[in-house]
Amino acid sequence: MPLRAVRCGALEASQAIASVLCIEALIGYMVRYRSLVLMMSKTPWCSYSESTVKKALRILLEREIIDKEVFSKKRVFYYYAQPPEDIVVEKASVKLEIVRPRLGVFRHVFSLLLRNDGEYPLVYYPALIMGDTARKLRDMKLSIRQSEGRVDWWVYEDTPHTKHIIIRLEDPVKPGSKGLLQVEYLWEEAGSHIDYASCRPTEELEFQLILPKRLAGEIKVFEHELQEPLDRIDITDKGLLTITKARRLATVTWRGKGPDAFRPVRIQWGPSSII
């Protein structure tokens, strides 16, 4: 019997849990069962019962999206095992525009064109925001939008350097359809680089940087191994790089093939990009 996408039911809960485990996988963590139950009981949309969480986990295990490690009866951990083939990031666009040059504050805009190749509506999508400097959520001017319909979001973990966000689409992306999701915020970029990574495969990736002209002389794009972040491949020449300089600012654009799931891509600028 096919599953139905019922509000606050097990199928919707499975998408929310998968989103949480996706974020934790990007930073190398598993999540304890009891922590998942507690977390899901506090979502802002509805309070999922433990039985619903169990059903949702069973759905994800059967689809082999997640797996678990059993250390004891009370210590069971779940983790994201492999990306399902139903949702694809058709195009990811990462735009950085410097707004406070003396402080190094940039406006970050992540635009994701999502394609639903599966059989169930896409209700939840994860977002992991990380920064080199400490920043409070209220100072980020965080904005999340969908091309059609409104969105809600829940910052389930808020630390000075990371924000773990679950986005809920009020207008789900239906099977056979596409949806554009945009995340915008302010944050410093002290390290002179920005990363893109996703739990889903990305077909096309675009970076656009609006920088002080003096920082646009050395631009490099790298693919990184998630488990070995120091192992990187220079892919600058595998995409199209253009640099347009004006009086004070320069616009840097790089377009190329998107990465596989869990494979970060980094664009660097300024002296730090020299190998």
Protein backbone atom coordinates (compact mmCIF):
# COMPACT_ATOMS: atom_id res chain seq x y z
CA MET A 1 0.00 0.00 0.00
CA PRO A 2 1.58 3.33 -1.03
CA LEU A 3 2.34 5.90 1.65
CA ARG A 4 0.44 9.16 1.70
CA ALA A 5 1.96 12.55 2.50
CA VAL A 6 -0.24 13.36 5.49
CA ARG A 7 0.52 16.48 7.53
CA CYS A 8 2.37 15.50 10.70
CA GLY A 9 2.29 11.85 9.72
CA ALA A 10 5.16 9.38 9.48
CA LEU A 11 6.06 10.25 5.87
CA GLU A 12 6.40 13.94 6.66
CA ALA A 13 8.30 13.07 9.83
CA SER A 14 10.68 10.94 7.75
CA GLN A 15 11.56 13.97 5.60
CA ALA A 16 12.16 16.10 8.68
CA ILE A 17 14.38 13.44 10.28
CA ALA A 18 16.29 12.92 7.03
CA SER A 19 16.92 16.68 6.92
CA VAL A 20 18.33 16.64 10.45
CA LEU A 21 20.56 13.64 9.71
CA CYS A 22 21.70 15.27 6.47
CA ILE A 23 22.94 18.35 8.35
CA GLU A 24 24.67 16.26 10.98
CA ALA A 25 26.32 14.10 8.28
CA LEU A 26 27.79 17.21 6.65
CA ILE A 27 29.70 17.94 9.85
CA GLY A 28 30.45 14.27 10.58
CA TYR A 29 27.97 13.37 13.31
CA MET A 30 25.40 10.70 14.09
CA VAL A 31 22.29 11.38 16.20
CA ARG A 32 21.16 9.34 19.17
CA TYR A 33 17.65 7.88 19.02
CA ARG A 34 16.52 9.55 22.24
CA SER A 35 17.78 12.90 20.96
CA LEU A 36 15.75 12.48 17.76
CA VAL A 37 12.60 11.67 19.72
CA LEU A 38 13.07 14.72 21.94
CA MET A 39 13.86 16.96 18.99
CA MET A 40 10.84 15.84 16.97
CA SER A 41 8.55 16.41 19.94
CA LYS A 42 9.49 20.10 19.83
CA THR A 43 9.14 20.99 16.16
CA PRO A 44 7.21 24.25 15.68
CA TRP A 45 4.76 22.68 13.23
CA CYS A 46 3.49 19.80 15.33
CA SER A 47 4.59 17.52 18.13
CA TYR A 48 5.55 14.16 16.67
CA SER A 49 4.95 11.22 18.98
CA GLU A 50 7.59 8.58 19.61
CA SER A 51 5.54 6.03 17.68
CA THR A 52 5.49 8.36 14.65
CA VAL A 53 9.26 8.82 14.92
CA LYS A 54 9.70 5.02 14.99
CA LYS A 55 7.55 4.65 11.87
CA ALA A 56 9.48 7.43 10.14
CA LEU A 57 12.82 5.81 10.96
CA ARG A 58 11.50 2.50 9.61
CA ILE A 59 10.59 4.21 6.32
CA LEU A 60 14.09 5.68 6.01
CA LEU A 61 15.79 2.40 6.92
CA GLU A 62 13.73 0.46 4.39
CA ARG A 63 14.63 2.99 1.69
CA GLU A 64 18.29 2.70 2.80
CA ILE A 65 18.54 6.48 3.14
CA ILE A 66 19.75 6.10 6.73
CA ASP A 67 21.44 3.42 8.81
CA LYS A 68 22.06 2.89 12.50
CA GLU A 69 24.74 1.86 14.96
CA VAL A 70 23.64 -0.08 18.03
CA PHE A 71 26.11 0.20 20.91
CA SER A 72 23.65 -0.98 23.56
CA LYS A 73 19.89 -1.13 24.09
CA LYS A 74 19.90 2.50 25.26
CA ARG A 75 22.60 3.77 22.91
CA VAL A 76 21.29 3.57 19.34
CA PHE A 77 22.56 6.15 16.84
CA TYR A 78 21.23 6.98 13.36
CA TYR A 79 23.10 8.51 10.45
CA TYR A 80 22.55 9.53 6.83
CA ALA A 81 23.77 6.65 4.68
CA GLN A 82 23.20 7.64 1.07
CA PRO A 83 21.23 10.29 -0.82
CA PRO A 84 17.99 9.11 -2.39
CA GLU A 85 17.61 9.72 -6.11
CA ASP A 86 14.26 11.48 -5.85
CA ILE A 87 15.44 15.06 -5.22
CA VAL A 88 18.13 16.72 -7.33
CA VAL A 89 19.63 20.20 -7.06
CA GLU A 90 19.37 21.11 -10.73
CA LYS A 91 21.28 24.36 -10.18
CA ALA A 92 22.88 25.94 -7.12
CA SER A 93 23.86 29.59 -7.22
CA VAL A 94 26.01 31.08 -4.44
CA LYS A 95 26.28 34.88 -4.45
CA LEU A 96 28.43 36.94 -2.10
CA GLU A 97 28.25 40.73 -2.11
CA ILE A 98 30.40 42.77 0.24
CA VAL A 99 28.25 45.27 2.15
CA ARG A 100 30.63 46.44 4.91
CA PRO A 101 34.17 46.34 3.46
CA ARG A 102 35.97 47.46 6.61
CA LEU A 103 34.34 44.69 8.66
CA GLY A 104 34.42 42.06 5.91
CA VAL A 105 30.64 41.54 6.11
CA PHE A 106 29.07 39.92 3.06
CA ARG A 107 25.49 39.35 1.98
CA HIS A 108 25.18 35.63 1.22
CA VAL A 109 22.49 34.44 -1.17
CA PHE A 110 22.09 30.71 -1.84
CA SER A 111 19.58 29.94 -4.62
CA LEU A 112 18.65 26.30 -5.17
CA LEU A 113 16.58 25.04 -8.08
CA LEU A 114 15.18 21.76 -6.76
CA ARG A 115 13.75 19.07 -9.04
CA ASN A 116 11.49 16.37 -7.64
CA ASP A 117 12.02 13.14 -9.59
CA GLY A 118 10.31 11.06 -6.90
CA GLU A 119 6.77 10.05 -6.09
CA TYR A 120 6.18 12.08 -2.92
CA PRO A 121 5.94 15.86 -2.43
CA LEU A 122 9.06 17.53 -1.02
CA VAL A 123 8.05 19.21 2.24
CA TYR A 124 11.33 19.67 4.13
CA TYR A 125 14.78 20.85 3.12
CA PRO A 126 17.90 21.30 5.29
CA ALA A 127 20.27 24.24 5.51
CA LEU A 128 23.59 24.38 7.36
CA ILE A 129 25.08 27.86 7.76
CA MET A 130 28.63 28.17 9.08
CA GLY A 131 30.87 31.17 9.65
CA ASP A 132 34.47 31.96 10.57
CA THR A 133 33.42 34.51 13.19
CA ALA A 134 30.83 34.37 15.95
CA ARG A 135 27.46 35.84 14.96
CA LYS A 136 24.09 35.85 16.67
CA LEU A 137 21.03 34.77 14.73
CA ARG A 138 19.29 38.11 15.25
CA ASP A 139 22.22 39.92 13.59
CA MET A 140 22.19 37.75 10.46
CA LYS A 141 19.02 39.22 8.94
CA LEU A 142 18.15 35.69 7.86
CA SER A 143 15.58 35.43 5.08
CA ILE A 144 14.31 32.23 3.46
CA ARG A 145 11.95 32.36 0.49
CA GLN A 146 10.33 30.02 -2.00
CA SER A 147 9.39 31.03 -5.53
CA GLU A 148 5.80 30.01 -4.84
CA GLY A 149 4.18 29.78 -1.43
CA ARG A 150 5.52 30.70 1.97
CA VAL A 151 8.07 28.85 4.05
CA ASP A 152 8.65 28.30 7.74
CA TRP A 153 11.99 27.45 9.27
CA TRP A 154 13.27 26.12 12.52
CA VAL A 155 16.80 26.70 13.83
CA TYR A 156 17.10 23.53 15.89
CA GLU A 157 20.71 24.24 16.89
CA ASP A 158 22.15 27.73 17.20
CA THR A 159 25.82 28.11 18.10
CA PRO A 160 28.06 31.16 17.51
CA HIS A 161 29.60 29.57 14.41
CA THR A 162 26.84 27.29 13.07
CA LYS A 163 23.09 27.47 12.47
CA HIS A 164 21.28 24.18 11.81
CA ILE A 165 18.03 24.93 9.98
CA ILE A 166 15.10 22.83 8.87
CA ILE A 167 12.95 24.54 6.22
CA ARG A 168 9.31 23.56 5.79
CA LEU A 169 7.67 24.37 2.46
CA GLU A 170 4.03 25.36 2.79
CA ASP A 171 3.77 24.74 -0.96
CA PRO A 172 5.62 21.42 -1.37
CA VAL A 173 7.51 20.66 -4.58
CA LYS A 174 5.27 18.08 -6.22
CA PRO A 175 6.54 15.02 -8.11
CA GLY A 176 7.62 15.98 -11.61
CA SER A 177 7.92 19.65 -10.62
CA LYS A 178 10.64 22.15 -9.75
CA GLY A 179 10.88 24.72 -6.98
CA LEU A 180 13.27 27.58 -6.29
CA LEU A 181 14.46 28.05 -2.71
CA GLN A 182 16.54 31.04 -1.60
CA VAL A 183 18.43 31.54 1.66
CA GLU A 184 19.90 34.99 2.38
CA TYR A 185 21.87 36.31 5.37
CA LEU A 186 24.72 38.57 6.50
CA TRP A 187 27.98 37.20 7.89
CA GLU A 188 31.70 37.97 7.88
CA GLU A 189 34.08 36.00 5.65
CA ALA A 190 37.38 36.24 7.53
CA GLY A 191 38.82 33.22 5.73
CA SER A 192 38.37 34.64 2.21
CA HIS A 193 36.47 31.58 1.00
CA ILE A 194 32.97 30.16 0.80
CA ASP A 195 31.92 26.51 0.55
CA TYR A 196 29.01 24.77 -1.09
CA ALA A 197 27.98 21.24 -0.09
CA SER A 198 24.74 19.29 -0.20
CA CYS A 199 23.38 15.88 0.72
CA ARG A 200 21.89 15.77 -2.76
CA PRO A 201 23.70 15.63 -6.09
CA THR A 202 24.05 19.03 -7.79
CA GLU A 203 24.00 19.19 -11.58
CA GLU A 204 25.23 22.78 -12.05
CA LEU A 205 27.04 25.14 -9.66
CA GLU A 206 27.59 28.88 -9.95
CA PHE A 207 29.59 31.22 -7.70
CA GLN A 208 29.26 34.99 -7.99
CA LEU A 209 31.45 37.26 -5.86
CA ILE A 210 31.26 41.04 -5.65
CA LEU A 211 34.54 41.99 -4.01
CA PRO A 212 36.90 44.92 -3.55
CA LYS A 213 38.97 44.99 -6.74
CA ARG A 214 42.22 44.30 -4.88
CA LEU A 215 40.92 40.86 -3.78
CA ALA A 216 39.94 39.65 -7.23
CA GLY A 217 43.44 38.91 -8.52
CA GLU A 218 43.78 35.30 -7.35
CA ILE A 219 40.69 33.11 -7.68
CA LYS A 220 40.74 29.34 -7.20
CA VAL A 221 37.96 26.74 -7.03
CA PHE A 222 38.57 23.41 -5.27
CA GLU A 223 36.70 20.18 -4.69
CA HIS A 224 37.29 18.78 -1.20
CA GLU A 225 36.96 15.35 0.29
CA LEU A 226 34.50 15.43 3.19
CA GLN A 227 36.51 13.00 5.32
CA GLU A 228 39.89 14.45 4.30
CA PRO A 229 39.32 18.21 3.96
CA LEU A 230 43.01 18.87 3.25
CA ASP A 231 42.81 16.67 0.15
CA ARG A 232 41.61 18.99 -2.59
CA ILE A 233 41.50 19.10 -6.37
CA ASP A 234 41.86 22.36 -8.26
CA ILE A 235 38.85 22.53 -10.62
CA THR A 236 39.15 26.21 -11.55
CA ASP A 237 39.84 25.37 -15.19
CA LYS A 238 36.97 22.88 -15.33
CA GLY A 239 34.47 25.73 -15.20
CA LEU A 240 34.07 29.12 -16.84
CA LEU A 241 35.72 31.89 -14.81
CA THR A 242 35.08 35.54 -15.63
CA ILE A 243 36.30 38.64 -13.78
CA THR A 244 34.88 42.08 -14.49
CA LYS A 245 36.54 45.02 -12.74
CA ALA A 246 34.99 48.42 -12.14
CA ARG A 247 36.34 51.42 -10.27
CA ARG A 248 36.38 49.91 -6.78
CA LEU A 249 34.67 46.54 -7.04
CA ALA A 250 35.08 43.44 -9.15
CA THR A 251 32.50 40.82 -10.09
CA VAL A 252 33.86 37.27 -10.19
CA THR A 253 31.73 34.48 -11.68
CA TRP A 254 32.54 30.80 -11.93
CA ARG A 255 30.18 28.27 -13.51
CA GLY A 256 30.77 24.57 -13.76
CA LYS A 257 29.49 21.07 -13.15
CA GLY A 258 28.01 20.60 -9.69
CA PRO A 259 29.46 18.19 -7.13
CA ASP A 260 28.23 14.80 -6.02
CA ALA A 261 26.44 14.56 -2.71
CA PHE A 262 28.65 15.24 0.35
CA ARG A 263 31.50 16.61 -1.78
CA PRO A 264 32.23 20.24 -0.82
CA VAL A 265 33.33 22.81 -3.38
CA ARG A 266 35.20 25.93 -2.25
CA ILE A 267 35.94 29.20 -4.01
CA GLN A 268 38.81 31.24 -2.60
CA TRP A 269 39.89 34.79 -3.31
CA GLY A 270 42.74 37.07 -2.40
CA PRO A 271 46.26 35.99 -1.34
CA SER A 272 44.94 32.91 0.52
CA SER A 273 43.97 31.33 -2.82
CA ILE A 274 47.60 30.96 -3.89
CA ILE A 275 48.70 27.32 -3.59
